[in-house]
Amino acid sequence: MSITKNDIKLIKSLNQKKFRHQEQLFLVEGVKGIREFLNSDFELYQLFATDAIFDVETTLISPKDLQRISALKTPNTGLAIFRIPKPKPVLESSLVLALDDVRDPGNLGTIIRLCDWFGIEKLICSLETVDCYNPKVVQATMGSLTRIQINYTNLERYLEHTKLETFGTFMDGNSIYSEALPQEGVIIMGNEANGISKKIERLISKKIGIPRFGDLKATESLNVATATAIVLSAFKGR
């Protein structure tokens, strides 16, 4: 078997959100990432590789063909297509992380990895947040996407109905190092440029912040993924 024109057309189309949702498929590249997904509950649709190193049916292709279909500058042996799973209902327990309009794929990918690291099993994303099946997000998660339940929803409506206490991150919020942080709740992180939106701010019960310790205090803000790491560490370190 070899790669066909229809295969190439499908793979190229899956770089766009519209076609990923239409086909209910997404791409995974690289040996480590592919193996993570093969060892998970995700269902494989098709696998292309330059070597027969996977224990599943594989379409062997040339390095030149892999270069043609890959979105990476330096493709790594294989590219796989997996099916997007049906969303599971959110069962609220422990800590939930919610994202209000996070747009950068690298940031979302890193945040998904942080959830995996800190044992946050549920991630709620506003409908405006970047698609978690964007190839750049998938690549940045390095397999952590297989272990985190991600739900896209109307965040305002979700927060209006949640029974958990809500925590929002703000520049003028109370220091996370002086607050009594619980083991259950919803932690909301905002947009890279604008922070948490006004419509979400009104639904937050406690405003928290990361204090600046430098003498000059000239830095305006932290990257949202960096801020997420600090906040999750504070909640989990209690």
C-alpha atoms as a PDB file:
ATOM      1  CA  MET A   1       0.000   0.000   0.000  1.00  0.00           C
ATOM      2  CA  SER A   2       1.061   3.573  -0.553  1.00  0.00           C
ATOM      3  CA  ILE A   3      -0.394   6.950   0.221  1.00  0.00           C
ATOM      4  CA  THR A   4      -3.119   8.110  -2.175  1.00  0.00           C
ATOM      5  CA  LYS A   5      -4.213  11.535  -3.364  1.00  0.00           C
ATOM      6  CA  ASN A   6      -7.370  11.201  -1.264  1.00  0.00           C
ATOM      7  CA  ASP A   7      -5.236  10.411   1.804  1.00  0.00           C
ATOM      8  CA  ILE A   8      -3.146  13.527   1.206  1.00  0.00           C
ATOM      9  CA  LYS A   9      -6.245  15.655   0.661  1.00  0.00           C
ATOM     10  CA  LEU A  10      -7.797  14.404   3.920  1.00  0.00           C
ATOM     11  CA  ILE A  11      -4.616  14.950   5.929  1.00  0.00           C
ATOM     12  CA  LYS A  12      -4.155  18.486   4.601  1.00  0.00           C
ATOM     13  CA  SER A  13      -7.791  19.333   5.383  1.00  0.00           C
ATOM     14  CA  LEU A  14      -7.410  18.222   9.020  1.00  0.00           C
ATOM     15  CA  ASN A  15      -5.126  21.174   9.667  1.00  0.00           C
ATOM     16  CA  GLN A  16      -8.331  23.255   9.676  1.00  0.00           C
ATOM     17  CA  LYS A  17     -10.837  23.182  12.535  1.00  0.00           C
ATOM     18  CA  LYS A  18     -13.833  23.139  10.174  1.00  0.00           C
ATOM     19  CA  PHE A  19     -12.757  19.880   8.541  1.00  0.00           C
ATOM     20  CA  ARG A  20     -11.657  18.268  11.822  1.00  0.00           C
ATOM     21  CA  HIS A  21     -15.171  18.793  13.166  1.00  0.00           C
ATOM     22  CA  GLN A  22     -16.761  17.732   9.890  1.00  0.00           C
ATOM     23  CA  GLU A  23     -14.779  14.492   9.678  1.00  0.00           C
ATOM     24  CA  GLN A  24     -14.435  13.995  13.462  1.00  0.00           C
ATOM     25  CA  LEU A  25     -10.755  13.210  12.919  1.00  0.00           C
ATOM     26  CA  PHE A  26      -7.454  14.765  14.007  1.00  0.00           C
ATOM     27  CA  LEU A  27      -3.722  14.316  13.396  1.00  0.00           C
ATOM     28  CA  VAL A  28      -0.916  13.086  15.637  1.00  0.00           C
ATOM     29  CA  GLU A  29       2.730  13.235  14.552  1.00  0.00           C
ATOM     30  CA  GLY A  30       5.893  11.639  15.899  1.00  0.00           C
ATOM     31  CA  VAL A  31       6.676   8.246  17.390  1.00  0.00           C
ATOM     32  CA  LYS A  32       6.158   9.181  21.062  1.00  0.00           C
ATOM     33  CA  GLY A  33       2.863  10.978  20.480  1.00  0.00           C
ATOM     34  CA  ILE A  34       1.457   8.226  18.265  1.00  0.00           C
ATOM     35  CA  ARG A  35       2.354   5.541  20.819  1.00  0.00           C
ATOM     36  CA  GLU A  36       0.685   7.517  23.600  1.00  0.00           C
ATOM     37  CA  PHE A  37      -2.551   7.638  21.608  1.00  0.00           C
ATOM     38  CA  LEU A  38      -2.303   3.978  20.529  1.00  0.00           C
ATOM     39  CA  ASN A  39      -2.056   3.020  24.212  1.00  0.00           C
ATOM     40  CA  SER A  40      -5.113   5.090  25.121  1.00  0.00           C
ATOM     41  CA  ASP A  41      -8.864   4.889  24.512  1.00  0.00           C
ATOM     42  CA  PHE A  42      -8.570   6.944  21.309  1.00  0.00           C
ATOM     43  CA  GLU A  43      -9.549   5.029  18.182  1.00  0.00           C
ATOM     44  CA  LEU A  44      -7.013   4.865  15.349  1.00  0.00           C
ATOM     45  CA  TYR A  45      -8.338   5.697  11.885  1.00  0.00           C
ATOM     46  CA  GLN A  46      -5.168   5.404   9.785  1.00  0.00           C
ATOM     47  CA  LEU A  47      -1.413   5.313  10.337  1.00  0.00           C
ATOM     48  CA  PHE A  48       1.366   6.263   7.944  1.00  0.00           C
ATOM     49  CA  ALA A  49       5.023   5.601   8.739  1.00  0.00           C
ATOM     50  CA  THR A  50       8.387   5.273   7.057  1.00  0.00           C
ATOM     51  CA  ASP A  51       9.198   2.127   9.104  1.00  0.00           C
ATOM     52  CA  ALA A  52       7.145  -0.768  10.463  1.00  0.00           C
ATOM     53  CA  ILE A  53       7.746   0.113  14.118  1.00  0.00           C
ATOM     54  CA  PHE A  54       4.125   0.159  15.343  1.00  0.00           C
ATOM     55  CA  ASP A  55       2.206  -2.975  16.339  1.00  0.00           C
ATOM     56  CA  VAL A  56      -0.865  -2.001  14.309  1.00  0.00           C
ATOM     57  CA  GLU A  57      -1.749  -1.921  10.624  1.00  0.00           C
ATOM     58  CA  THR A  58       0.484   0.697   9.013  1.00  0.00           C
ATOM     59  CA  THR A  59       0.665   2.209   5.546  1.00  0.00           C
ATOM     60  CA  LEU A  60       4.387   2.370   4.762  1.00  0.00           C
ATOM     61  CA  ILE A  61       5.435   5.509   2.915  1.00  0.00           C
ATOM     62  CA  SER A  62       8.686   7.106   1.821  1.00  0.00           C
ATOM     63  CA  PRO A  63      10.388   9.890   3.830  1.00  0.00           C
ATOM     64  CA  LYS A  64       9.567  12.163   0.883  1.00  0.00           C
ATOM     65  CA  ASP A  65       5.847  11.380   1.186  1.00  0.00           C
ATOM     66  CA  LEU A  66       5.985  11.933   4.955  1.00  0.00           C
ATOM     67  CA  GLN A  67       7.526  15.330   4.307  1.00  0.00           C
ATOM     68  CA  ARG A  68       4.641  16.135   1.955  1.00  0.00           C
ATOM     69  CA  ILE A  69       1.938  15.409   4.514  1.00  0.00           C
ATOM     70  CA  SER A  70       3.668  16.573   7.690  1.00  0.00           C
ATOM     71  CA  ALA A  71       3.168  19.979   9.272  1.00  0.00           C
ATOM     72  CA  LEU A  72       6.546  19.677  11.014  1.00  0.00           C
ATOM     73  CA  LYS A  73       9.802  21.079   9.658  1.00  0.00           C
ATOM     74  CA  THR A  74      11.494  17.825  10.608  1.00  0.00           C
ATOM     75  CA  PRO A  75       8.950  14.969  10.411  1.00  0.00           C
ATOM     76  CA  ASN A  76       9.509  12.097  12.845  1.00  0.00           C
ATOM     77  CA  THR A  77       8.828   8.668  11.269  1.00  0.00           C
ATOM     78  CA  GLY A  78       5.038   8.665  11.376  1.00  0.00           C
ATOM     79  CA  LEU A  79       1.729  10.494  11.110  1.00  0.00           C
ATOM     80  CA  ALA A  80      -1.523   9.065  12.435  1.00  0.00           C
ATOM     81  CA  ILE A  81      -5.176   9.985  12.105  1.00  0.00           C
ATOM     82  CA  PHE A  82      -7.369   9.351  15.156  1.00  0.00           C
ATOM     83  CA  ARG A  83     -11.097   9.734  15.710  1.00  0.00           C
ATOM     84  CA  ILE A  84     -12.310  12.575  17.921  1.00  0.00           C
ATOM     85  CA  PRO A  85     -14.147  10.945  20.853  1.00  0.00           C
ATOM     86  CA  LYS A  86     -17.629  11.957  21.880  1.00  0.00           C
ATOM     87  CA  PRO A  87     -17.540  14.400  24.819  1.00  0.00           C
ATOM     88  CA  LYS A  88     -18.224  12.997  28.275  1.00  0.00           C
ATOM     89  CA  PRO A  89     -20.435  14.787  30.806  1.00  0.00           C
ATOM     90  CA  VAL A  90     -18.582  16.862  33.383  1.00  0.00           C
ATOM     91  CA  LEU A  91     -18.807  15.209  36.792  1.00  0.00           C
ATOM     92  CA  GLU A  92     -17.696  17.903  39.201  1.00  0.00           C
ATOM     93  CA  SER A  93     -15.279  16.817  41.878  1.00  0.00           C
ATOM     94  CA  SER A  94     -11.909  17.977  43.139  1.00  0.00           C
ATOM     95  CA  LEU A  95     -10.292  20.818  41.163  1.00  0.00           C
ATOM     96  CA  VAL A  96     -11.501  21.839  37.704  1.00  0.00           C
ATOM     97  CA  LEU A  97      -9.535  24.215  35.469  1.00  0.00           C
ATOM     98  CA  ALA A  98     -11.482  26.536  33.147  1.00  0.00           C
ATOM     99  CA  LEU A  99     -10.094  28.634  30.288  1.00  0.00           C
ATOM    100  CA  ASP A 100     -11.731  31.882  29.194  1.00  0.00           C
ATOM    101  CA  ASP A 101     -10.775  32.480  25.545  1.00  0.00           C
ATOM    102  CA  VAL A 102      -7.183  31.152  25.482  1.00  0.00           C
ATOM    103  CA  ARG A 103      -6.166  31.500  21.839  1.00  0.00           C
ATOM    104  CA  ASP A 104      -2.541  30.356  21.467  1.00  0.00           C
ATOM    105  CA  PRO A 105      -2.115  26.637  20.584  1.00  0.00           C
ATOM    106  CA  GLY A 106       1.214  26.441  22.414  1.00  0.00           C
ATOM    107  CA  ASN A 107      -0.341  27.832  25.575  1.00  0.00           C
ATOM    108  CA  LEU A 108      -3.237  25.386  25.478  1.00  0.00           C
ATOM    109  CA  GLY A 109      -0.898  22.464  24.810  1.00  0.00           C
ATOM    110  CA  THR A 110       1.271  23.433  27.775  1.00  0.00           C
ATOM    111  CA  ILE A 111      -1.776  23.903  30.013  1.00  0.00           C
ATOM    112  CA  ILE A 112      -3.010  20.402  29.110  1.00  0.00           C
ATOM    113  CA  ARG A 113       0.416  19.030  30.100  1.00  0.00           C
ATOM    114  CA  LEU A 114       0.232  20.975  33.366  1.00  0.00           C
ATOM    115  CA  CYS A 115      -3.182  19.458  34.098  1.00  0.00           C
ATOM    116  CA  ASP A 116      -1.636  16.031  33.577  1.00  0.00           C
ATOM    117  CA  TRP A 117       1.324  16.891  35.834  1.00  0.00           C
ATOM    118  CA  PHE A 118      -0.768  18.288  38.690  1.00  0.00           C
ATOM    119  CA  GLY A 119      -3.536  15.695  38.491  1.00  0.00           C
ATOM    120  CA  ILE A 120      -6.254  18.010  37.173  1.00  0.00           C
ATOM    121  CA  GLU A 121      -8.444  15.556  35.280  1.00  0.00           C
ATOM    122  CA  LYS A 122     -11.067  17.989  33.936  1.00  0.00           C
ATOM    123  CA  LEU A 123     -10.431  21.026  31.745  1.00  0.00           C
ATOM    124  CA  ILE A 124     -13.346  23.270  30.740  1.00  0.00           C
ATOM    125  CA  CYS A 125     -12.799  25.487  27.697  1.00  0.00           C
ATOM    126  CA  SER A 126     -14.926  28.386  26.513  1.00  0.00           C
ATOM    127  CA  LEU A 127     -16.223  28.037  22.970  1.00  0.00           C
ATOM    128  CA  GLU A 128     -13.749  30.734  21.884  1.00  0.00           C
ATOM    129  CA  THR A 129     -10.721  28.829  23.208  1.00  0.00           C
ATOM    130  CA  VAL A 130      -8.437  27.284  20.570  1.00  0.00           C
ATOM    131  CA  ASP A 131      -9.378  23.750  19.476  1.00  0.00           C
ATOM    132  CA  CYS A 132      -7.548  21.107  21.523  1.00  0.00           C
ATOM    133  CA  TYR A 133      -7.263  18.951  18.367  1.00  0.00           C
ATOM    134  CA  ASN A 134      -5.351  21.663  16.516  1.00  0.00           C
ATOM    135  CA  PRO A 135      -2.124  19.893  15.383  1.00  0.00           C
ATOM    136  CA  LYS A 136       0.046  22.439  17.240  1.00  0.00           C
ATOM    137  CA  VAL A 137      -1.896  21.828  20.452  1.00  0.00           C
ATOM    138  CA  VAL A 138      -1.661  18.042  20.056  1.00  0.00           C
ATOM    139  CA  GLN A 139       2.081  18.316  19.461  1.00  0.00           C
ATOM    140  CA  ALA A 140       2.599  20.571  22.490  1.00  0.00           C
ATOM    141  CA  THR A 141       0.729  18.204  24.840  1.00  0.00           C
ATOM    142  CA  MET A 142       3.234  15.416  24.114  1.00  0.00           C
ATOM    143  CA  GLY A 143       0.596  12.773  24.820  1.00  0.00           C
ATOM    144  CA  SER A 144      -1.061  14.389  27.846  1.00  0.00           C
ATOM    145  CA  LEU A 145      -4.201  14.954  25.762  1.00  0.00           C
ATOM    146  CA  THR A 146      -4.925  11.231  26.191  1.00  0.00           C
ATOM    147  CA  ARG A 147      -5.304  11.616  29.964  1.00  0.00           C
ATOM    148  CA  ILE A 148      -7.283  14.856  30.368  1.00  0.00           C
ATOM    149  CA  GLN A 149     -11.051  15.199  29.900  1.00  0.00           C
ATOM    150  CA  ILE A 150     -11.653  18.380  27.899  1.00  0.00           C
ATOM    151  CA  ASN A 151     -15.091  19.910  27.427  1.00  0.00           C
ATOM    152  CA  TYR A 152     -15.952  22.922  25.275  1.00  0.00           C
ATOM    153  CA  THR A 153     -19.010  24.757  26.497  1.00  0.00           C
ATOM    154  CA  ASN A 154     -20.628  28.111  27.120  1.00  0.00           C
ATOM    155  CA  LEU A 155     -18.387  29.037  30.062  1.00  0.00           C
ATOM    156  CA  GLU A 156     -20.742  31.714  31.385  1.00  0.00           C
ATOM    157  CA  ARG A 157     -23.612  29.226  31.556  1.00  0.00           C
ATOM    158  CA  TYR A 158     -21.386  26.569  33.134  1.00  0.00           C
ATOM    159  CA  LEU A 159     -20.256  28.931  35.907  1.00  0.00           C
ATOM    160  CA  GLU A 160     -23.827  30.061  36.546  1.00  0.00           C
ATOM    161  CA  HIS A 161     -24.808  26.471  37.370  1.00  0.00           C
ATOM    162  CA  THR A 162     -21.720  25.032  39.040  1.00  0.00           C
ATOM    163  CA  LYS A 163     -21.949  24.214  42.745  1.00  0.00           C
ATOM    164  CA  LEU A 164     -18.197  24.570  43.189  1.00  0.00           C
ATOM    165  CA  GLU A 165     -16.510  27.715  44.468  1.00  0.00           C
ATOM    166  CA  THR A 166     -14.994  29.756  41.623  1.00  0.00           C
ATOM    167  CA  PHE A 167     -11.513  31.311  41.651  1.00  0.00           C
ATOM    168  CA  GLY A 168     -10.395  33.839  39.046  1.00  0.00           C
ATOM    169  CA  THR A 169      -6.843  35.040  38.440  1.00  0.00           C
ATOM    170  CA  PHE A 170      -6.380  38.830  38.414  1.00  0.00           C
ATOM    171  CA  MET A 171      -3.460  41.240  38.715  1.00  0.00           C
ATOM    172  CA  ASP A 172      -5.099  42.801  41.786  1.00  0.00           C
ATOM    173  CA  GLY A 173      -6.338  39.532  43.293  1.00  0.00           C
ATOM    174  CA  ASN A 174      -5.441  38.341  46.790  1.00  0.00           C
ATOM    175  CA  SER A 175      -2.073  36.583  46.928  1.00  0.00           C
ATOM    176  CA  ILE A 176      -2.340  32.843  46.326  1.00  0.00           C
ATOM    177  CA  TYR A 177       0.261  32.443  49.083  1.00  0.00           C
ATOM    178  CA  SER A 178      -1.954  34.040  51.741  1.00  0.00           C
ATOM    179  CA  GLU A 179      -5.325  32.572  50.711  1.00  0.00           C
ATOM    180  CA  ALA A 180      -6.725  29.369  52.173  1.00  0.00           C
ATOM    181  CA  LEU A 181      -7.025  27.381  48.959  1.00  0.00           C
ATOM    182  CA  PRO A 182      -9.467  24.425  48.994  1.00  0.00           C
ATOM    183  CA  GLN A 183      -9.157  20.984  47.427  1.00  0.00           C
ATOM    184  CA  GLU A 184     -12.300  21.539  45.365  1.00  0.00           C
ATOM    185  CA  GLY A 185     -13.262  24.411  43.098  1.00  0.00           C
ATOM    186  CA  VAL A 186     -13.085  25.880  39.611  1.00  0.00           C
ATOM    187  CA  ILE A 187      -9.936  27.850  38.730  1.00  0.00           C
ATOM    188  CA  ILE A 188     -10.447  30.256  35.822  1.00  0.00           C
ATOM    189  CA  MET A 189      -7.567  31.498  33.656  1.00  0.00           C
ATOM    190  CA  GLY A 190      -8.118  34.313  31.169  1.00  0.00           C
ATOM    191  CA  ASN A 191      -7.203  35.372  27.653  1.00  0.00           C
ATOM    192  CA  GLU A 192      -3.537  36.088  26.840  1.00  0.00           C
ATOM    193  CA  ALA A 193      -4.093  39.792  26.101  1.00  0.00           C
ATOM    194  CA  ASN A 194      -7.234  40.732  28.031  1.00  0.00           C
ATOM    195  CA  GLY A 195      -7.383  38.377  30.984  1.00  0.00           C
ATOM    196  CA  ILE A 196     -10.755  37.215  32.286  1.00  0.00           C
ATOM    197  CA  SER A 197     -13.709  38.809  30.496  1.00  0.00           C
ATOM    198  CA  LYS A 198     -16.230  41.005  32.321  1.00  0.00           C
ATOM    199  CA  LYS A 199     -19.081  38.529  31.784  1.00  0.00           C
ATOM    200  CA  ILE A 200     -17.032  35.812  33.489  1.00  0.00           C
ATOM    201  CA  GLU A 201     -15.628  38.108  36.197  1.00  0.00           C
ATOM    202  CA  ARG A 202     -19.100  38.693  37.649  1.00  0.00           C
ATOM    203  CA  LEU A 203     -19.451  34.941  38.299  1.00  0.00           C
ATOM    204  CA  ILE A 204     -16.214  34.605  40.283  1.00  0.00           C
ATOM    205  CA  SER A 205     -16.506  34.265  44.046  1.00  0.00           C
ATOM    206  CA  LYS A 206     -12.818  34.808  44.890  1.00  0.00           C
ATOM    207  CA  LYS A 207     -10.207  36.858  43.038  1.00  0.00           C
ATOM    208  CA  ILE A 208      -6.674  35.512  43.416  1.00  0.00           C
ATOM    209  CA  GLY A 209      -3.363  36.717  42.048  1.00  0.00           C
ATOM    210  CA  ILE A 210       0.340  35.927  41.814  1.00  0.00           C
ATOM    211  CA  PRO A 211       2.325  38.589  43.684  1.00  0.00           C
ATOM    212  CA  ARG A 212       5.363  40.226  42.082  1.00  0.00           C
ATOM    213  CA  PHE A 213       8.509  40.003  44.211  1.00  0.00           C
ATOM    214  CA  GLY A 214      10.952  42.043  42.114  1.00  0.00           C
ATOM    215  CA  ASP A 215      11.974  45.467  43.415  1.00  0.00           C
ATOM    216  CA  LEU A 216      10.958  47.289  40.235  1.00  0.00           C
ATOM    217  CA  LYS A 217       7.733  45.339  39.640  1.00  0.00           C
ATOM    218  CA  ALA A 218       7.944  46.428  36.014  1.00  0.00           C
ATOM    219  CA  THR A 219       6.656  43.219  34.403  1.00  0.00           C
ATOM    220  CA  GLU A 220       3.044  43.801  33.385  1.00  0.00           C
ATOM    221  CA  SER A 221       1.848  40.203  33.375  1.00  0.00           C
ATOM    222  CA  LEU A 222       2.795  36.539  33.110  1.00  0.00           C
ATOM    223  CA  ASN A 223       2.203  34.196  30.188  1.00  0.00           C
ATOM    224  CA  VAL A 224      -1.067  32.341  30.836  1.00  0.00           C
ATOM    225  CA  ALA A 225       0.614  28.918  30.793  1.00  0.00           C
ATOM    226  CA  THR A 226       3.297  30.101  33.242  1.00  0.00           C
ATOM    227  CA  ALA A 227       0.615  31.604  35.487  1.00  0.00           C
ATOM    228  CA  THR A 228      -1.362  28.354  35.346  1.00  0.00           C
ATOM    229  CA  ALA A 229       1.681  26.391  36.520  1.00  0.00           C
ATOM    230  CA  ILE A 230       2.153  28.689  39.533  1.00  0.00           C
ATOM    231  CA  VAL A 231      -1.534  28.692  40.469  1.00  0.00           C
ATOM    232  CA  LEU A 232      -1.920  24.901  40.188  1.00  0.00           C
ATOM    233  CA  SER A 233       1.219  24.424  42.258  1.00  0.00           C
ATOM    234  CA  ALA A 234      -0.221  26.675  44.984  1.00  0.00           C
ATOM    235  CA  PHE A 235      -3.534  24.787  45.055  1.00  0.00           C
ATOM    236  CA  LYS A 236      -1.938  21.357  44.995  1.00  0.00           C
ATOM    237  CA  GLY A 237       0.879  22.218  47.389  1.00  0.00           C
ATOM    238  CA  ARG A 238      -1.439  22.840  50.356  1.00  0.00           C
END
